[in-house]
């Protein structure tokens, strides 16, 4: 549920911008984590699970790219 107030006064960053930054960071972090999960699955010969993690990694990379593009656009506007 959306909050009725902006908390950017605490961080110095508007909530929506902070959320976009956090989303991008989490996607990048997840892409790294999925690499380790893939390695674990492949080491045990579980190709089905490894493929699941590869797909999740690709989705995380896509989310990170979209987030980075939006951040670049918005940071350029505020410069």
Protein backbone atom coordinates (compact mmCIF):
# COMPACT_ATOMS: atom_id res chain seq x y z
CA UNK A 1 0.00 0.00 0.00
CA UNK A 2 1.34 3.43 -0.92
CA UNK A 3 2.31 5.77 1.85
CA UNK A 4 0.65 9.16 2.12
CA UNK A 5 3.88 11.01 2.85
CA UNK A 6 7.25 11.49 1.22
CA UNK A 7 10.20 10.44 3.38
CA UNK A 8 12.87 11.92 1.13
CA UNK A 9 13.61 14.54 3.76
CA UNK A 10 15.41 11.87 5.77
CA UNK A 11 17.54 10.52 2.90
CA UNK A 12 17.71 13.58 0.69
CA UNK A 13 16.31 11.48 -2.15
CA UNK A 14 12.67 11.29 -3.20
CA UNK A 15 11.08 7.92 -2.40
CA UNK A 16 10.43 7.06 -6.05
CA UNK A 17 14.06 7.80 -6.96
CA UNK A 18 15.36 5.88 -3.94
CA UNK A 19 13.12 2.97 -4.88
CA UNK A 20 14.45 2.98 -8.45
CA UNK A 21 18.05 3.03 -7.22
CA UNK A 22 17.31 0.20 -4.78
CA UNK A 23 15.48 -1.83 -7.44
CA UNK A 24 18.45 -1.54 -9.79
CA UNK A 25 20.92 -2.52 -7.07
CA UNK A 26 18.81 -5.51 -6.06
CA UNK A 27 18.57 -6.72 -9.67
CA UNK A 28 22.34 -6.49 -10.04
CA UNK A 29 22.87 -8.27 -6.73
CA UNK A 30 20.43 -11.01 -7.71
CA UNK A 31 22.21 -11.54 -11.03
CA UNK A 32 25.42 -12.17 -9.10
CA UNK A 33 23.67 -14.49 -6.64
CA UNK A 34 22.11 -16.51 -9.47
CA UNK A 35 25.61 -17.15 -10.87
CA UNK A 36 26.57 -18.92 -7.64
CA UNK A 37 23.28 -20.85 -7.63
CA UNK A 38 23.86 -21.95 -11.23
CA UNK A 39 27.35 -23.12 -10.38
CA UNK A 40 26.00 -25.13 -7.44
CA UNK A 41 23.31 -26.78 -9.57
CA UNK A 42 25.73 -27.55 -12.40
CA UNK A 43 28.26 -29.01 -9.97
CA UNK A 44 25.64 -31.55 -8.89
CA UNK A 45 24.53 -32.21 -12.46
CA UNK A 46 21.06 -30.71 -12.05
CA UNK A 47 20.66 -29.02 -15.42
CA UNK A 48 16.97 -28.32 -14.90
CA UNK A 49 17.59 -26.24 -11.79
CA UNK A 50 20.63 -24.58 -13.39
CA UNK A 51 18.42 -23.51 -16.31
CA UNK A 52 15.86 -22.05 -13.91
CA UNK A 53 18.59 -19.98 -12.27
CA UNK A 54 19.95 -18.88 -15.67
CA UNK A 55 16.49 -17.64 -16.64
CA UNK A 56 16.16 -15.81 -13.32
CA UNK A 57 19.60 -14.29 -13.88
CA UNK A 58 18.58 -13.08 -17.34
CA UNK A 59 15.43 -11.48 -15.90
CA UNK A 60 17.49 -9.75 -13.21
CA UNK A 61 19.92 -8.43 -15.81
CA UNK A 62 17.01 -7.11 -17.87
CA UNK A 63 15.52 -5.36 -14.84
CA UNK A 64 18.90 -3.85 -13.99
CA UNK A 65 19.36 -2.54 -17.53
CA UNK A 66 15.94 -0.93 -17.54
CA UNK A 67 16.61 0.57 -14.10
CA UNK A 68 19.99 1.93 -15.22
CA UNK A 69 18.42 3.52 -18.30
CA UNK A 70 15.74 5.22 -16.24
CA UNK A 71 18.30 6.42 -13.70
CA UNK A 72 20.50 7.85 -16.46
CA UNK A 73 17.53 9.72 -17.95
CA UNK A 74 16.41 11.10 -14.61
CA UNK A 75 19.87 12.03 -13.40
CA UNK A 76 20.44 13.86 -16.68
CA UNK A 77 17.27 15.87 -16.09
CA UNK A 78 18.37 16.89 -12.61
CA UNK A 79 21.92 17.89 -13.56
